[in-house]
Amino acid sequence: MSEDQRVYVPSRPLPAARTGVLTGFDPGTRTLAAGFRVAPQFRALPVDVVFEKDVAVRLRDGVTIHVDLFRPAGAEPVPVIVAWSPYGKGQGTSASAMGVFGMVGLDNGIVSGLEKFEGPDPAYWCARGYAICNPDVRGVVDSEGDSVLWDRQEGRDCHDVIEWLAQQAWCSGKVGMSGTSYLAVSQWFTAAEQPPHLAAINPWEGVSDVYRDLVMRGGMPDTGFARQLQEAASSARTGRRTSSPKCSATRW
C-alpha cells in the first residue's frame, strides 16, 4: 500500500472571478493613508497603514512563498494575526468574494477589501494595534511548490511563517491566527507543530471530521464542495500540482 495518501491534480490558471485589485505581483512597501479605499464600494481605512506587498518568505525545505503584511504606522512593535488558507491574498475585492456578501444581504462597505476571504480585516485590526499577515500559501498564485489541502505540511509551513514574523523588527514577538472555515482548520494543524511564538489561535466554524462533516454528510456523498476547495488551492500562474487527502474510511 502506498505511503502517499494524496491525490494530485495539475494547477489551473487563476480565474478572473478570483482576481482582485491586489492580486498582481508587485513587491514593495507603501503607506496607505487614513481614508484610503482600495475601491469605491469598500470601507475606508480609519488609520494610516503600512502595506508590505509580496514579501518573500523562505520555508525550511527551500520553497519560497509570498505574504502581504498590513500594520499600523509607527515605531511601536505590534502582534500579528495570520490568515492561513489557499484563497488568494489579493482576493478580497474579487467578484467571488463580493458575491458572498451579496448572497447574505450584506453591503461590501462593511469591510475594506484588504482582507483575505473569511479572514480578519486589516482596517479593523490595524486600528486596534495589530498587524495582519495574508499569505499565498505553497503552490498558490505566485508562491512556489505543490499546494496541499488540510495536511501536516500546512502546519509546518505556517510554523515557519510564524517564526519568521516573530523576528521582524516591527513585531512584538507574539503571533496569533484567526479565521473561519478553512482558516480555522489550518490553525489546528499549525498549533500541533507548536511554533514557539504562536501566542493564540481563534478557529471558528471549522470542521472536525472531514469525512462525516463534509464529504459524507449523513451517509450521503457530497464531493462538490471538496472539489471547489481543491480548485481554489490549484490556482497558480505557473504549472504546479495540488494534492488532497484520499477520502477513505481508513484515512479519515
Foldseek 3Di string as FASTA:
>chain_A
DDPPQKDKDKFDAADQQQDALQLDQDFDKDKQAFQDASDDQAATANHIKIKGFFDWAAAPVGWIWGKIKIAGDDQAAFEEAEQDAQRGQQRLHGNVLCVVCVVVPHGNHVARSNGTRQADGSSVVNVVGYMYIYINDDQHAATHHAAEALDLVLLRRVLRVLVVQLPDSRHPLAYEYEGEESSQSSVVSNVVVPRVRHDYYYYDHYDPDCLCPPQQPVNRGDCVVVVVRQNSNSHYNDIHMYIYGNDDPVVD
